[in-house]
Amino acid sequence: MSQERGFRPRALGEIAIRCADMAAMVDFYENVIGLTRLHGGHNSAITFFRIADGFEGHTQVLALFHHGAAPRPGLHPTGADKPVTGAQSSLHHVALSLPFAEQEAVMRWYDQIGQPYRVERFGWIGWRGVFTTDPEGNTVELVAYDASMLYQA
């Protein structure tokens, strides 16, 4: 039996990642990926980046939380409980959308700065993703739609 919920999510509001090396992560998302910093910095407990206009005034953001910020119950106070990142993390990847034509600029930029990447095509939905990793091993995808990427039936 289906029940009417009375609500439906409309957009992603925030992505939050716990970080061990805040300075390296802030530098990556600001200078490699090109996000605009809204609040915080290299030594802050929390730093926010603007992704895009959001839904009804809530800006879409990426939030980086230093592993010592807002400790959770049961975590060791010395910081020995650094966050699990990369392949060991439950975070699979972060995908940020951009126009298809700009993906060529992404690949040129990555080549220019020596940032390793790979390209994958998802023909069933018409997406192409340019994948790289941040300083802590988390996968970051810059993804775009183009009808030319769709499988031909």
N, C-alpha and C. Protein backbone atom coordinates (compact mmCIF):
# COMPACT_ATOMS: atom_id res chain seq x y z
N MET A 1 0.85 -1.17 0.00
CA MET A 1 0.00 0.00 0.00
C MET A 1 0.90 1.24 0.00
N SER A 2 0.62 2.15 -0.89
CA SER A 2 1.40 3.38 -1.01
C SER A 2 0.77 4.48 -0.16
N GLN A 3 1.58 5.18 0.59
CA GLN A 3 1.10 6.30 1.40
C GLN A 3 1.67 7.59 0.84
N GLU A 4 0.88 8.67 0.90
CA GLU A 4 1.34 9.98 0.46
C GLU A 4 2.17 10.60 1.57
N ARG A 5 3.42 10.89 1.27
CA ARG A 5 4.33 11.47 2.24
C ARG A 5 4.04 12.92 2.51
N GLY A 6 3.66 13.68 1.50
CA GLY A 6 3.43 15.10 1.66
C GLY A 6 4.68 15.93 1.44
N PHE A 7 5.78 15.31 1.05
CA PHE A 7 7.00 16.04 0.73
C PHE A 7 7.82 15.24 -0.27
N ARG A 8 8.74 15.95 -0.93
CA ARG A 8 9.66 15.32 -1.87
C ARG A 8 10.92 16.17 -1.94
N PRO A 9 12.09 15.63 -1.66
CA PRO A 9 13.31 16.40 -1.78
C PRO A 9 13.47 16.96 -3.19
N ARG A 10 13.97 18.20 -3.29
CA ARG A 10 14.08 18.87 -4.58
C ARG A 10 15.52 19.05 -5.04
N ALA A 11 16.47 19.06 -4.14
CA ALA A 11 17.86 19.32 -4.53
C ALA A 11 18.79 18.87 -3.41
N LEU A 12 20.03 18.71 -3.76
CA LEU A 12 21.05 18.42 -2.76
C LEU A 12 21.44 19.73 -2.11
N GLY A 13 21.44 19.78 -0.78
CA GLY A 13 21.78 20.99 -0.08
C GLY A 13 23.24 21.06 0.32
N GLU A 14 23.80 19.93 0.79
CA GLU A 14 25.16 19.96 1.31
C GLU A 14 25.79 18.59 1.21
N ILE A 15 27.07 18.60 0.94
CA ILE A 15 27.92 17.42 1.05
C ILE A 15 28.93 17.75 2.14
N ALA A 16 29.12 16.87 3.12
CA ALA A 16 30.07 17.13 4.19
C ALA A 16 31.09 15.99 4.25
N ILE A 17 32.36 16.37 4.34
CA ILE A 17 33.45 15.40 4.40
C ILE A 17 34.31 15.70 5.62
N ARG A 18 34.60 14.67 6.42
CA ARG A 18 35.55 14.82 7.52
C ARG A 18 36.97 14.72 6.95
N CYS A 19 37.87 15.59 7.41
CA CYS A 19 39.21 15.69 6.85
C CYS A 19 40.28 15.57 7.93
N ALA A 20 41.36 14.91 7.59
CA ALA A 20 42.52 14.86 8.47
C ALA A 20 43.46 16.04 8.19
N ASP A 21 43.66 16.39 6.93
CA ASP A 21 44.55 17.48 6.55
C ASP A 21 43.72 18.60 5.95
N MET A 22 43.18 19.47 6.81
CA MET A 22 42.28 20.53 6.38
C MET A 22 42.93 21.45 5.36
N ALA A 23 44.18 21.84 5.57
CA ALA A 23 44.85 22.78 4.66
C ALA A 23 44.93 22.20 3.24
N ALA A 24 45.32 20.95 3.13
CA ALA A 24 45.43 20.32 1.80
C ALA A 24 44.06 20.20 1.14
N MET A 25 43.05 19.86 1.93
CA MET A 25 41.70 19.70 1.37
C MET A 25 41.13 21.04 0.92
N VAL A 26 41.30 22.09 1.72
CA VAL A 26 40.82 23.43 1.35
C VAL A 26 41.52 23.86 0.07
N ASP A 27 42.82 23.68 0.00
CA ASP A 27 43.58 24.06 -1.19
C ASP A 27 43.07 23.31 -2.42
N PHE A 28 42.82 22.02 -2.31
CA PHE A 28 42.35 21.21 -3.44
C PHE A 28 41.01 21.71 -3.95
N TYR A 29 40.02 21.83 -3.06
CA TYR A 29 38.68 22.19 -3.52
C TYR A 29 38.60 23.64 -4.01
N GLU A 30 39.48 24.49 -3.50
CA GLU A 30 39.50 25.88 -3.94
C GLU A 30 40.34 26.06 -5.20
N ASN A 31 41.53 25.50 -5.24
CA ASN A 31 42.46 25.79 -6.32
C ASN A 31 42.51 24.76 -7.44
N VAL A 32 42.17 23.51 -7.17
CA VAL A 32 42.14 22.49 -8.22
C VAL A 32 40.74 22.40 -8.81
N ILE A 33 39.74 22.22 -7.96
CA ILE A 33 38.36 22.09 -8.44
C ILE A 33 37.75 23.45 -8.78
N GLY A 34 38.12 24.51 -8.05
CA GLY A 34 37.65 25.85 -8.38
C GLY A 34 36.40 26.30 -7.66
N LEU A 35 36.08 25.68 -6.52
CA LEU A 35 34.92 26.13 -5.76
C LEU A 35 35.26 27.42 -5.01
N THR A 36 34.24 28.25 -4.81
CA THR A 36 34.39 29.50 -4.09
C THR A 36 34.20 29.26 -2.60
N ARG A 37 35.17 29.70 -1.81
CA ARG A 37 35.08 29.54 -0.36
C ARG A 37 34.09 30.56 0.19
N LEU A 38 33.14 30.08 1.01
CA LEU A 38 32.14 30.93 1.64
C LEU A 38 32.53 31.32 3.06
N HIS A 39 33.12 30.38 3.78
CA HIS A 39 33.40 30.60 5.20
C HIS A 39 34.48 29.62 5.65
N GLY A 40 35.35 30.08 6.52
CA GLY A 40 36.38 29.21 7.05
C GLY A 40 37.65 29.29 6.22
N GLY A 41 38.63 28.47 6.57
CA GLY A 41 39.90 28.51 5.87
C GLY A 41 40.74 27.29 6.14
N HIS A 42 42.02 27.43 5.86
CA HIS A 42 42.96 26.32 5.95
C HIS A 42 43.13 25.76 7.36
N ASN A 43 42.90 26.59 8.37
CA ASN A 43 43.07 26.14 9.75
C ASN A 43 41.76 26.11 10.53
N SER A 44 40.65 26.24 9.84
CA SER A 44 39.34 26.27 10.50
C SER A 44 38.86 24.86 10.84
N ALA A 45 37.98 24.78 11.80
CA ALA A 45 37.37 23.50 12.13
C ALA A 45 36.39 23.08 11.03
N ILE A 46 35.73 24.06 10.40
CA ILE A 46 34.77 23.80 9.33
C ILE A 46 34.97 24.86 8.25
N THR A 47 35.02 24.43 7.01
CA THR A 47 35.12 25.34 5.88
C THR A 47 34.02 24.99 4.88
N PHE A 48 33.32 26.03 4.40
CA PHE A 48 32.23 25.85 3.45
C PHE A 48 32.62 26.41 2.08
N PHE A 49 32.25 25.67 1.02
CA PHE A 49 32.43 26.10 -0.36
C PHE A 49 31.08 26.14 -1.06
N ARG A 50 30.90 27.13 -1.91
CA ARG A 50 29.68 27.23 -2.72
C ARG A 50 29.81 26.30 -3.91
N ILE A 51 28.78 25.48 -4.14
CA ILE A 51 28.71 24.66 -5.34
C ILE A 51 27.85 25.37 -6.37
N ALA A 52 26.62 25.74 -5.98
CA ALA A 52 25.69 26.37 -6.92
C ALA A 52 24.51 26.95 -6.16
N ASP A 53 23.68 27.71 -6.89
CA ASP A 53 22.42 28.14 -6.32
C ASP A 53 21.64 26.89 -5.97
N GLY A 54 20.95 26.93 -4.89
CA GLY A 54 20.19 25.77 -4.46
C GLY A 54 18.70 25.97 -4.62
N PHE A 55 17.97 25.27 -3.81
CA PHE A 55 16.51 25.30 -3.84
C PHE A 55 15.99 26.28 -2.80
N GLU A 56 15.16 27.20 -3.23
CA GLU A 56 14.51 28.17 -2.36
C GLU A 56 15.48 28.88 -1.41
N GLY A 57 16.60 29.34 -1.97
CA GLY A 57 17.53 30.16 -1.21
C GLY A 57 18.61 29.42 -0.46
N HIS A 58 18.56 28.10 -0.40
CA HIS A 58 19.61 27.33 0.29
C HIS A 58 20.71 27.03 -0.72
N THR A 59 21.83 27.70 -0.59
CA THR A 59 22.96 27.48 -1.48
C THR A 59 23.48 26.05 -1.32
N GLN A 60 23.77 25.39 -2.45
CA GLN A 60 24.37 24.06 -2.40
C GLN A 60 25.82 24.24 -1.98
N VAL A 61 26.25 23.50 -0.96
CA VAL A 61 27.60 23.68 -0.44
C VAL A 61 28.33 22.35 -0.24
N LEU A 62 29.65 22.45 -0.25
CA LEU A 62 30.53 21.40 0.20
C LEU A 62 31.09 21.89 1.52
N ALA A 63 30.96 21.09 2.56
CA ALA A 63 31.48 21.45 3.88
C ALA A 63 32.59 20.48 4.24
N LEU A 64 33.73 21.04 4.60
CA LEU A 64 34.85 20.24 5.08
C LEU A 64 34.93 20.40 6.58
N PHE A 65 34.89 19.30 7.31
CA PHE A 65 34.96 19.30 8.77
C PHE A 65 36.29 18.70 9.18
N HIS A 66 37.10 19.46 9.93
CA HIS A 66 38.34 18.90 10.44
C HIS A 66 37.98 17.74 11.34
N HIS A 67 38.76 16.68 11.32
CA HIS A 67 38.42 15.47 12.08
C HIS A 67 38.18 15.75 13.55
N GLY A 68 38.71 16.82 14.09
CA GLY A 68 38.50 17.15 15.50
C GLY A 68 37.28 18.02 15.74
N ALA A 69 36.61 18.48 14.70
CA ALA A 69 35.44 19.36 14.85
C ALA A 69 34.23 18.56 15.31
N ALA A 70 33.48 19.15 16.22
CA ALA A 70 32.24 18.56 16.72
C ALA A 70 32.40 17.07 17.00
N PRO A 71 33.25 16.71 17.97
CA PRO A 71 33.50 15.30 18.24
C PRO A 71 32.21 14.54 18.56
N ARG A 72 32.20 13.31 18.08
CA ARG A 72 31.06 12.43 18.34
C ARG A 72 31.31 11.63 19.60
N PRO A 73 30.28 11.24 20.29
CA PRO A 73 30.47 10.44 21.51
C PRO A 73 31.28 9.19 21.22
N GLY A 74 32.21 8.89 22.12
CA GLY A 74 33.00 7.68 21.99
C GLY A 74 34.29 7.85 21.23
N LEU A 75 34.53 9.04 20.64
CA LEU A 75 35.78 9.24 19.93
C LEU A 75 36.87 9.69 20.89
N HIS A 76 38.07 9.28 20.62
CA HIS A 76 39.20 9.60 21.48
C HIS A 76 39.55 11.08 21.37
N PRO A 77 39.71 11.81 22.48
CA PRO A 77 39.94 13.25 22.45
C PRO A 77 41.29 13.66 21.89
N THR A 78 42.24 12.76 21.72
CA THR A 78 43.56 13.12 21.22
C THR A 78 43.60 13.25 19.70
N GLY A 79 42.54 12.88 19.04
CA GLY A 79 42.54 12.91 17.57
C GLY A 79 43.04 11.62 16.96
N ALA A 80 43.26 10.59 17.79
CA ALA A 80 43.72 9.31 17.26
C ALA A 80 42.66 8.66 16.39
N ASP A 81 41.47 9.22 16.41
CA ASP A 81 40.34 8.69 15.68
C ASP A 81 40.15 9.42 14.35
N LYS A 82 41.22 9.64 13.61
CA LYS A 82 41.14 10.37 12.35
C LYS A 82 40.13 9.69 11.43
N PRO A 83 39.52 10.48 10.56
CA PRO A 83 38.48 9.91 9.71
C PRO A 83 39.05 8.90 8.72
N VAL A 84 38.23 7.94 8.39
CA VAL A 84 38.57 6.98 7.36
C VAL A 84 38.28 7.66 6.03
N THR A 85 39.25 7.65 5.12
CA THR A 85 39.08 8.31 3.83
C THR A 85 39.42 7.36 2.71
N GLY A 86 39.22 7.82 1.50
CA GLY A 86 39.56 7.02 0.31
C GLY A 86 38.76 5.74 0.24
N ALA A 87 39.39 4.69 -0.23
CA ALA A 87 38.70 3.42 -0.48
C ALA A 87 38.15 2.78 0.80
N GLN A 88 38.69 3.16 1.98
CA GLN A 88 38.22 2.58 3.23
C GLN A 88 36.97 3.29 3.77
N SER A 89 36.64 4.44 3.20
CA SER A 89 35.53 5.25 3.67
C SER A 89 34.20 4.74 3.12
N SER A 90 33.12 5.09 3.81
CA SER A 90 31.80 4.76 3.27
C SER A 90 31.41 5.74 2.17
N LEU A 91 32.13 6.86 2.03
CA LEU A 91 31.89 7.81 0.95
C LEU A 91 32.42 7.20 -0.34
N HIS A 92 31.55 6.99 -1.32
CA HIS A 92 32.01 6.43 -2.59
C HIS A 92 32.65 7.51 -3.44
N HIS A 93 31.91 8.59 -3.71
CA HIS A 93 32.49 9.72 -4.42
C HIS A 93 31.56 10.92 -4.36
N VAL A 94 32.12 12.08 -4.68
CA VAL A 94 31.37 13.32 -4.79
C VAL A 94 31.29 13.64 -6.27
N ALA A 95 30.10 13.92 -6.80
CA ALA A 95 29.95 14.29 -8.21
C ALA A 95 29.41 15.71 -8.29
N LEU A 96 30.11 16.53 -9.05
CA LEU A 96 29.70 17.91 -9.28
C LEU A 96 29.40 18.06 -10.77
N SER A 97 28.27 18.69 -11.09
CA SER A 97 27.84 18.84 -12.48
C SER A 97 28.39 20.11 -13.10
N LEU A 98 28.65 20.03 -14.39
CA LEU A 98 29.06 21.19 -15.17
C LEU A 98 28.67 20.94 -16.62
N PRO A 99 28.72 21.97 -17.48
CA PRO A 99 28.36 21.76 -18.88
C PRO A 99 29.34 20.81 -19.57
N PHE A 100 28.82 20.02 -20.48
CA PHE A 100 29.61 19.04 -21.22
C PHE A 100 30.83 19.69 -21.88
N ALA A 101 30.63 20.85 -22.50
CA ALA A 101 31.71 21.54 -23.21
C ALA A 101 32.87 21.91 -22.27
N GLU A 102 32.59 22.11 -21.00
CA GLU A 102 33.65 22.48 -20.06
C GLU A 102 34.50 21.31 -19.60
N GLN A 103 34.07 20.09 -19.88
CA GLN A 103 34.88 18.94 -19.48
C GLN A 103 36.24 18.93 -20.18
N GLU A 104 36.29 19.42 -21.40
CA GLU A 104 37.58 19.50 -22.11
C GLU A 104 38.52 20.43 -21.35
N ALA A 105 37.99 21.55 -20.82
CA ALA A 105 38.80 22.48 -20.03
C ALA A 105 39.27 21.82 -18.74
N VAL A 106 38.42 20.99 -18.13
CA VAL A 106 38.81 20.26 -16.92
C VAL A 106 40.02 19.38 -17.22
N MET A 107 39.96 18.62 -18.31
CA MET A 107 41.06 17.72 -18.65
C MET A 107 42.34 18.49 -18.99
N ARG A 108 42.21 19.62 -19.70
CA ARG A 108 43.39 20.46 -19.98
C ARG A 108 43.99 20.99 -18.68
N TRP A 109 43.12 21.44 -17.76
CA TRP A 109 43.58 21.97 -16.47
C TRP A 109 44.31 20.90 -15.67
N TYR A 110 43.69 19.71 -15.57
CA TYR A 110 44.31 18.62 -14.84
C TYR A 110 45.67 18.26 -15.46
N ASP A 111 45.74 18.21 -16.81
CA ASP A 111 47.02 17.92 -17.48
C ASP A 111 48.05 18.99 -17.14
N GLN A 112 47.62 20.25 -17.15
CA GLN A 112 48.52 21.38 -16.89
C GLN A 112 49.11 21.33 -15.48
N ILE A 113 48.30 20.96 -14.48
CA ILE A 113 48.78 20.96 -13.10
C ILE A 113 49.25 19.58 -12.63
N GLY A 114 49.20 18.59 -13.52
CA GLY A 114 49.66 17.25 -13.17
C GLY A 114 48.71 16.49 -12.26
N GLN A 115 47.44 16.79 -12.34
CA GLN A 115 46.42 16.11 -11.52
C GLN A 115 45.96 14.85 -12.26
N PRO A 116 46.21 13.66 -11.73
CA PRO A 116 45.77 12.43 -12.40
C PRO A 116 44.24 12.37 -12.49
N TYR A 117 43.73 11.80 -13.57
CA TYR A 117 42.28 11.66 -13.76
C TYR A 117 41.99 10.51 -14.71
N ARG A 118 40.74 10.11 -14.73
CA ARG A 118 40.26 9.13 -15.70
C ARG A 118 38.88 9.59 -16.18
N VAL A 119 38.50 9.15 -17.36
CA VAL A 119 37.22 9.52 -17.95
C VAL A 119 36.38 8.26 -18.11
N GLU A 120 35.12 8.34 -17.71
CA GLU A 120 34.19 7.23 -17.90
C GLU A 120 32.93 7.74 -18.57
N ARG A 121 32.36 6.90 -19.43
CA ARG A 121 31.12 7.23 -20.12
C ARG A 121 30.01 6.32 -19.62
N PHE A 122 28.83 6.91 -19.41
CA PHE A 122 27.67 6.18 -18.93
C PHE A 122 26.56 6.33 -19.96
N GLY A 123 26.66 5.51 -21.03
CA GLY A 123 25.77 5.64 -22.18
C GLY A 123 24.30 5.44 -21.88
N TRP A 124 23.98 4.66 -20.86
CA TRP A 124 22.57 4.41 -20.55
C TRP A 124 21.86 5.69 -20.13
N ILE A 125 22.60 6.72 -19.67
CA ILE A 125 21.96 7.95 -19.21
C ILE A 125 22.54 9.20 -19.89
N GLY A 126 23.57 9.02 -20.71
CA GLY A 126 24.13 10.15 -21.45
C GLY A 126 25.10 11.01 -20.66
N TRP A 127 25.81 10.42 -19.72
CA TRP A 127 26.75 11.17 -18.89
C TRP A 127 28.18 10.79 -19.25
N ARG A 128 29.06 11.77 -19.05
CA ARG A 128 30.50 11.50 -19.07
C ARG A 128 31.07 12.10 -17.79
N GLY A 129 31.89 11.33 -17.10
CA GLY A 129 32.49 11.78 -15.85
C GLY A 129 33.99 11.86 -15.96
N VAL A 130 34.56 12.93 -15.43
CA VAL A 130 36.00 13.07 -15.31
C VAL A 130 36.32 12.90 -13.82
N PHE A 131 37.01 11.82 -13.49
CA PHE A 131 37.25 11.43 -12.10
C PHE A 131 38.69 11.74 -11.69
N THR A 132 38.86 12.22 -10.47
CA THR A 132 40.17 12.41 -9.86
C THR A 132 40.02 12.10 -8.37
N THR A 133 41.08 12.30 -7.60
CA THR A 133 40.98 12.11 -6.16
C THR A 133 41.50 13.34 -5.44
N ASP A 134 40.90 13.61 -4.27
CA ASP A 134 41.34 14.73 -3.45
C ASP A 134 42.55 14.27 -2.62
N PRO A 135 43.16 15.16 -1.85
CA PRO A 135 44.37 14.79 -1.10
C PRO A 135 44.21 13.65 -0.11
N GLU A 136 42.97 13.33 0.28
CA GLU A 136 42.76 12.25 1.24
C GLU A 136 42.24 10.98 0.58
N GLY A 137 42.27 10.94 -0.75
CA GLY A 137 41.90 9.73 -1.47
C GLY A 137 40.44 9.60 -1.85
N ASN A 138 39.62 10.62 -1.56
CA ASN A 138 38.21 10.58 -1.94
C ASN A 138 38.07 10.87 -3.42
N THR A 139 37.22 10.13 -4.11
CA THR A 139 37.01 10.34 -5.53
C THR A 139 36.11 11.53 -5.76
N VAL A 140 36.51 12.40 -6.70
CA VAL A 140 35.74 13.58 -7.08
C VAL A 140 35.48 13.49 -8.57
N GLU A 141 34.20 13.54 -8.95
CA GLU A 141 33.79 13.44 -10.35
C GLU A 141 33.21 14.77 -10.81
N LEU A 142 33.64 15.23 -11.98
CA LEU A 142 33.01 16.36 -12.64
C LEU A 142 32.23 15.76 -13.81
N VAL A 143 30.90 15.79 -13.70
CA VAL A 143 30.03 15.03 -14.59
C VAL A 143 29.16 15.95 -15.43
N ALA A 144 28.89 15.51 -16.66
CA ALA A 144 28.06 16.30 -17.57
C ALA A 144 27.19 15.38 -18.41
N TYR A 145 26.06 15.93 -18.83
CA TYR A 145 25.16 15.22 -19.74
C TYR A 145 25.35 15.74 -21.15
N ASP A 146 25.30 14.84 -22.11
CA ASP A 146 25.26 15.21 -23.52
C ASP A 146 24.57 14.10 -24.26
N ALA A 147 23.61 14.45 -25.12
CA ALA A 147 22.84 13.45 -25.84
C ALA A 147 23.75 12.56 -26.69
N SER A 148 24.90 13.05 -27.12
CA SER A 148 25.82 12.25 -27.92
C SER A 148 26.40 11.08 -27.11
N MET A 149 26.30 11.15 -25.80
CA MET A 149 26.81 10.08 -24.96
C MET A 149 25.80 8.93 -24.81
N LEU A 150 24.55 9.17 -25.19
CA LEU A 150 23.52 8.14 -25.07
C LEU A 150 23.79 6.99 -26.03
N TYR A 151 23.55 5.77 -25.54
CA TYR A 151 23.65 4.62 -26.43
C TYR A 151 22.63 4.76 -27.53
N GLN A 152 23.01 4.38 -28.71
CA GLN A 152 22.06 4.39 -29.84
C GLN A 152 21.32 3.06 -29.85
N ALA A 153 19.98 3.14 -29.83
CA ALA A 153 19.17 1.90 -29.79
C ALA A 153 19.04 1.30 -31.17
